[in-house]
């Protein structure tokens, strides 16, 4: 009877181990996905200047580059404000 109990125990153990085969892994697969969210468009905006502003050439190029990048990345629509005869904004 002891030999029969040992064989039954061995069969039961092998049956449990057979459940973890290569076709159905017992270890869960962990998948990591990274998503990048660019929030600069939420808080940044185009830079507008008036005719009274005095800018160096380098500053003007930087403002132009900033506005061009914002138009390309964020879809900014830069519109020129109408000027009055004196050259000041209304």
C-alpha atoms as a PDB file:
ATOM      1  CA  UNK A   1       0.000   0.000   0.000  1.00  0.00           C
ATOM      2  CA  UNK A   2       2.879   2.378   0.671  1.00  0.00           C
ATOM      3  CA  UNK A   3       4.287   1.830  -2.826  1.00  0.00           C
ATOM      4  CA  UNK A   4       0.869   2.595  -4.303  1.00  0.00           C
ATOM      5  CA  UNK A   5       0.639   5.846  -2.258  1.00  0.00           C
ATOM      6  CA  UNK A   6       4.126   6.876  -3.372  1.00  0.00           C
ATOM      7  CA  UNK A   7       3.263   6.240  -7.043  1.00  0.00           C
ATOM      8  CA  UNK A   8       0.005   8.189  -6.672  1.00  0.00           C
ATOM      9  CA  UNK A   9       1.844  11.085  -5.014  1.00  0.00           C
ATOM     10  CA  UNK A  10       4.502  11.062  -7.733  1.00  0.00           C
ATOM     11  CA  UNK A  11       1.841  11.012 -10.471  1.00  0.00           C
ATOM     12  CA  UNK A  12       0.010  13.916  -8.812  1.00  0.00           C
ATOM     13  CA  UNK A  13       3.239  15.947  -8.545  1.00  0.00           C
ATOM     14  CA  UNK A  14       4.151  15.274 -12.182  1.00  0.00           C
ATOM     15  CA  UNK A  15       0.652  16.269 -13.282  1.00  0.00           C
ATOM     16  CA  UNK A  16       1.005  19.599 -11.506  1.00  0.00           C
ATOM     17  CA  UNK A  17       4.452  20.224 -12.993  1.00  0.00           C
ATOM     18  CA  UNK A  18       3.238  19.391 -16.494  1.00  0.00           C
ATOM     19  CA  UNK A  19       0.934  22.418 -16.310  1.00  0.00           C
ATOM     20  CA  UNK A  20       3.979  24.731 -16.585  1.00  0.00           C
ATOM     21  CA  UNK A  21       5.131  23.992 -20.110  1.00  0.00           C
ATOM     22  CA  UNK A  22       6.814  26.171 -22.704  1.00  0.00           C
ATOM     23  CA  UNK A  23       3.554  26.711 -24.581  1.00  0.00           C
ATOM     24  CA  UNK A  24       1.803  28.170 -21.529  1.00  0.00           C
ATOM     25  CA  UNK A  25       4.306  29.888 -19.242  1.00  0.00           C
ATOM     26  CA  UNK A  26       3.473  30.085 -15.558  1.00  0.00           C
ATOM     27  CA  UNK A  27       5.463  33.290 -15.057  1.00  0.00           C
ATOM     28  CA  UNK A  28       3.504  36.403 -16.119  1.00  0.00           C
ATOM     29  CA  UNK A  29       5.060  38.448 -18.884  1.00  0.00           C
ATOM     30  CA  UNK A  30       5.679  42.087 -17.899  1.00  0.00           C
ATOM     31  CA  UNK A  31       5.513  44.626 -20.713  1.00  0.00           C
ATOM     32  CA  UNK A  32       6.673  48.179 -20.076  1.00  0.00           C
ATOM     33  CA  UNK A  33       5.621  50.958 -22.435  1.00  0.00           C
ATOM     34  CA  UNK A  34       6.824  54.532 -22.140  1.00  0.00           C
ATOM     35  CA  UNK A  35       4.735  57.411 -23.419  1.00  0.00           C
ATOM     36  CA  UNK A  36       6.171  60.906 -23.795  1.00  0.00           C
ATOM     37  CA  UNK A  37       3.799  63.800 -23.277  1.00  0.00           C
ATOM     38  CA  UNK A  38       4.929  67.227 -24.452  1.00  0.00           C
ATOM     39  CA  UNK A  39       3.085  69.822 -22.397  1.00  0.00           C
ATOM     40  CA  UNK A  40       4.985  72.863 -23.698  1.00  0.00           C
ATOM     41  CA  UNK A  41       2.063  73.778 -25.951  1.00  0.00           C
ATOM     42  CA  UNK A  42      -0.143  74.140 -22.858  1.00  0.00           C
ATOM     43  CA  UNK A  43       1.903  76.883 -21.206  1.00  0.00           C
ATOM     44  CA  UNK A  44       3.976  78.428 -23.984  1.00  0.00           C
ATOM     45  CA  UNK A  45       2.754  80.936 -26.538  1.00  0.00           C
ATOM     46  CA  UNK A  46       3.980  83.042 -29.427  1.00  0.00           C
ATOM     47  CA  UNK A  47       6.019  86.159 -28.728  1.00  0.00           C
ATOM     48  CA  UNK A  48       4.576  89.348 -30.207  1.00  0.00           C
ATOM     49  CA  UNK A  49       6.506  92.592 -30.477  1.00  0.00           C
ATOM     50  CA  UNK A  50       5.471  96.142 -31.267  1.00  0.00           C
ATOM     51  CA  UNK A  51       7.128  98.672 -33.522  1.00  0.00           C
ATOM     52  CA  UNK A  52       8.381 100.484 -30.413  1.00  0.00           C
ATOM     53  CA  UNK A  53      10.452  97.488 -29.262  1.00  0.00           C
ATOM     54  CA  UNK A  54      14.171  97.752 -29.880  1.00  0.00           C
ATOM     55  CA  UNK A  55      15.683  94.360 -30.554  1.00  0.00           C
ATOM     56  CA  UNK A  56      19.145  93.176 -31.455  1.00  0.00           C
ATOM     57  CA  UNK A  57      19.477  90.982 -34.515  1.00  0.00           C
ATOM     58  CA  UNK A  58      20.174  87.962 -32.305  1.00  0.00           C
ATOM     59  CA  UNK A  59      17.036  88.552 -30.217  1.00  0.00           C
ATOM     60  CA  UNK A  60      14.911  88.980 -33.347  1.00  0.00           C
ATOM     61  CA  UNK A  61      16.266  85.680 -34.742  1.00  0.00           C
ATOM     62  CA  UNK A  62      15.522  83.919 -31.437  1.00  0.00           C
ATOM     63  CA  UNK A  63      11.943  85.231 -31.368  1.00  0.00           C
ATOM     64  CA  UNK A  64      11.456  84.191 -35.001  1.00  0.00           C
ATOM     65  CA  UNK A  65      12.845  80.707 -34.269  1.00  0.00           C
ATOM     66  CA  UNK A  66      10.613  80.391 -31.176  1.00  0.00           C
ATOM     67  CA  UNK A  67       7.486  81.371 -33.093  1.00  0.00           C
ATOM     68  CA  UNK A  68       8.374  79.132 -36.056  1.00  0.00           C
ATOM     69  CA  UNK A  69       8.925  76.131 -33.760  1.00  0.00           C
ATOM     70  CA  UNK A  70       5.625  76.804 -31.987  1.00  0.00           C
ATOM     71  CA  UNK A  71       3.802  77.049 -35.304  1.00  0.00           C
ATOM     72  CA  UNK A  72       5.278  73.736 -36.453  1.00  0.00           C
ATOM     73  CA  UNK A  73       4.929  71.760 -33.189  1.00  0.00           C
ATOM     74  CA  UNK A  74       1.873  73.332 -31.542  1.00  0.00           C
ATOM     75  CA  UNK A  75       0.015  74.667 -34.569  1.00  0.00           C
ATOM     76  CA  UNK A  76       0.207  78.314 -33.511  1.00  0.00           C
ATOM     77  CA  UNK A  77      -1.443  80.713 -35.901  1.00  0.00           C
ATOM     78  CA  UNK A  78       0.613  83.886 -35.666  1.00  0.00           C
ATOM     79  CA  UNK A  79      -1.422  86.810 -36.939  1.00  0.00           C
ATOM     80  CA  UNK A  80      -0.120  90.320 -37.290  1.00  0.00           C
ATOM     81  CA  UNK A  81      -2.119  92.840 -35.307  1.00  0.00           C
ATOM     82  CA  UNK A  82      -3.287  95.881 -37.255  1.00  0.00           C
ATOM     83  CA  UNK A  83      -1.216  98.981 -36.588  1.00  0.00           C
ATOM     84  CA  UNK A  84      -2.552 102.481 -36.132  1.00  0.00           C
ATOM     85  CA  UNK A  85      -1.134 105.431 -38.036  1.00  0.00           C
ATOM     86  CA  UNK A  86       1.199 106.273 -35.172  1.00  0.00           C
ATOM     87  CA  UNK A  87       2.606 102.717 -35.262  1.00  0.00           C
ATOM     88  CA  UNK A  88       1.263 101.637 -31.851  1.00  0.00           C
ATOM     89  CA  UNK A  89      -1.020  98.718 -31.252  1.00  0.00           C
ATOM     90  CA  UNK A  90      -4.695  99.614 -30.713  1.00  0.00           C
END
